[in-house]
C-alpha atoms as a PDB file:
ATOM      1  CA  UNK A   1     -14.264  24.181 -32.550  1.00  0.00           C
ATOM      2  CA  UNK A   2     -10.578  23.555 -31.867  1.00  0.00           C
ATOM      3  CA  UNK A   3     -11.088  23.943 -28.115  1.00  0.00           C
ATOM      4  CA  UNK A   4     -13.596  21.057 -27.867  1.00  0.00           C
ATOM      5  CA  UNK A   5     -11.280  18.741 -29.838  1.00  0.00           C
ATOM      6  CA  UNK A   6      -8.433  19.153 -27.337  1.00  0.00           C
ATOM      7  CA  UNK A   7     -10.597  17.833 -24.483  1.00  0.00           C
ATOM      8  CA  UNK A   8     -10.080  14.134 -23.692  1.00  0.00           C
ATOM      9  CA  UNK A   9     -12.892  11.740 -24.499  1.00  0.00           C
ATOM     10  CA  UNK A  10     -14.955  11.046 -21.357  1.00  0.00           C
ATOM     11  CA  UNK A  11     -14.918   7.294 -22.070  1.00  0.00           C
ATOM     12  CA  UNK A  12     -11.114   6.958 -21.968  1.00  0.00           C
ATOM     13  CA  UNK A  13     -10.858   9.318 -18.997  1.00  0.00           C
ATOM     14  CA  UNK A  14     -13.329   7.185 -17.022  1.00  0.00           C
ATOM     15  CA  UNK A  15     -11.450   3.993 -17.932  1.00  0.00           C
ATOM     16  CA  UNK A  16      -8.132   5.501 -16.847  1.00  0.00           C
ATOM     17  CA  UNK A  17      -9.718   6.627 -13.594  1.00  0.00           C
ATOM     18  CA  UNK A  18     -10.992   3.112 -12.915  1.00  0.00           C
ATOM     19  CA  UNK A  19      -7.590   1.571 -13.652  1.00  0.00           C
ATOM     20  CA  UNK A  20      -5.900   4.139 -11.422  1.00  0.00           C
ATOM     21  CA  UNK A  21      -8.313   3.433  -8.551  1.00  0.00           C
ATOM     22  CA  UNK A  22      -7.706  -0.327  -8.865  1.00  0.00           C
ATOM     23  CA  UNK A  23      -3.947   0.250  -8.900  1.00  0.00           C
ATOM     24  CA  UNK A  24      -4.165   2.575  -5.896  1.00  0.00           C
ATOM     25  CA  UNK A  25      -6.148  -0.061  -3.986  1.00  0.00           C
ATOM     26  CA  UNK A  26      -3.527  -2.707  -4.779  1.00  0.00           C
ATOM     27  CA  UNK A  27      -0.698  -0.406  -3.708  1.00  0.00           C
ATOM     28  CA  UNK A  28      -2.468   0.526  -0.489  1.00  0.00           C
ATOM     29  CA  UNK A  29      -3.181  -3.133   0.282  1.00  0.00           C
ATOM     30  CA  UNK A  30       0.473  -3.940  -0.356  1.00  0.00           C
ATOM     31  CA  UNK A  31       1.574  -1.210   2.039  1.00  0.00           C
ATOM     32  CA  UNK A  32      -0.855  -2.436   4.707  1.00  0.00           C
ATOM     33  CA  UNK A  33       0.426  -6.012   4.377  1.00  0.00           C
ATOM     34  CA  UNK A  34       4.039  -4.825   4.539  1.00  0.00           C
ATOM     35  CA  UNK A  35       3.308  -2.697   7.596  1.00  0.00           C
ATOM     36  CA  UNK A  36       1.553  -5.621   9.295  1.00  0.00           C
ATOM     37  CA  UNK A  37       4.501  -7.923   8.513  1.00  0.00           C
ATOM     38  CA  UNK A  38       7.048  -5.423   9.836  1.00  0.00           C
ATOM     39  CA  UNK A  39       4.993  -4.829  12.982  1.00  0.00           C
ATOM     40  CA  UNK A  40       4.748  -8.584  13.673  1.00  0.00           C
ATOM     41  CA  UNK A  41       8.454  -9.038  12.969  1.00  0.00           C
ATOM     42  CA  UNK A  42       9.348  -6.172  15.300  1.00  0.00           C
ATOM     43  CA  UNK A  43       7.102  -7.646  18.009  1.00  0.00           C
ATOM     44  CA  UNK A  44       8.831 -11.031  17.617  1.00  0.00           C
ATOM     45  CA  UNK A  45      12.264  -9.395  17.782  1.00  0.00           C
ATOM     46  CA  UNK A  46      11.322  -7.469  20.929  1.00  0.00           C
ATOM     47  CA  UNK A  47       9.968 -10.656  22.477  1.00  0.00           C
ATOM     48  CA  UNK A  48      13.119 -12.629  21.661  1.00  0.00           C
ATOM     49  CA  UNK A  49      15.363  -9.838  23.025  1.00  0.00           C
ATOM     50  CA  UNK A  50      13.188  -9.614  26.131  1.00  0.00           C
ATOM     51  CA  UNK A  51      13.261 -13.381  26.716  1.00  0.00           C
ATOM     52  CA  UNK A  52      17.035 -13.553  26.094  1.00  0.00           C
ATOM     53  CA  UNK A  53      17.857 -10.775  28.549  1.00  0.00           C
ATOM     54  CA  UNK A  54      15.722 -12.359  31.254  1.00  0.00           C
ATOM     55  CA  UNK A  55      16.930 -15.921  30.724  1.00  0.00           C
ATOM     56  CA  UNK A  56      20.541 -14.937  31.550  1.00  0.00           C
ATOM     57  CA  UNK A  57      19.805 -13.321  34.926  1.00  0.00           C
END
């Protein structure tokens, strides 16, 4: 009897799983947005460096 009592209730476990999945989605979306921003920024920096080096020659 004691063994079955130590198991977590399926209801709370499912709820935690859902919250975790939602959080993971938010985190992943945040990382994707950050990566996109950094990639665009790097592309702009490369473009500005490229245009500066060629404008002087």
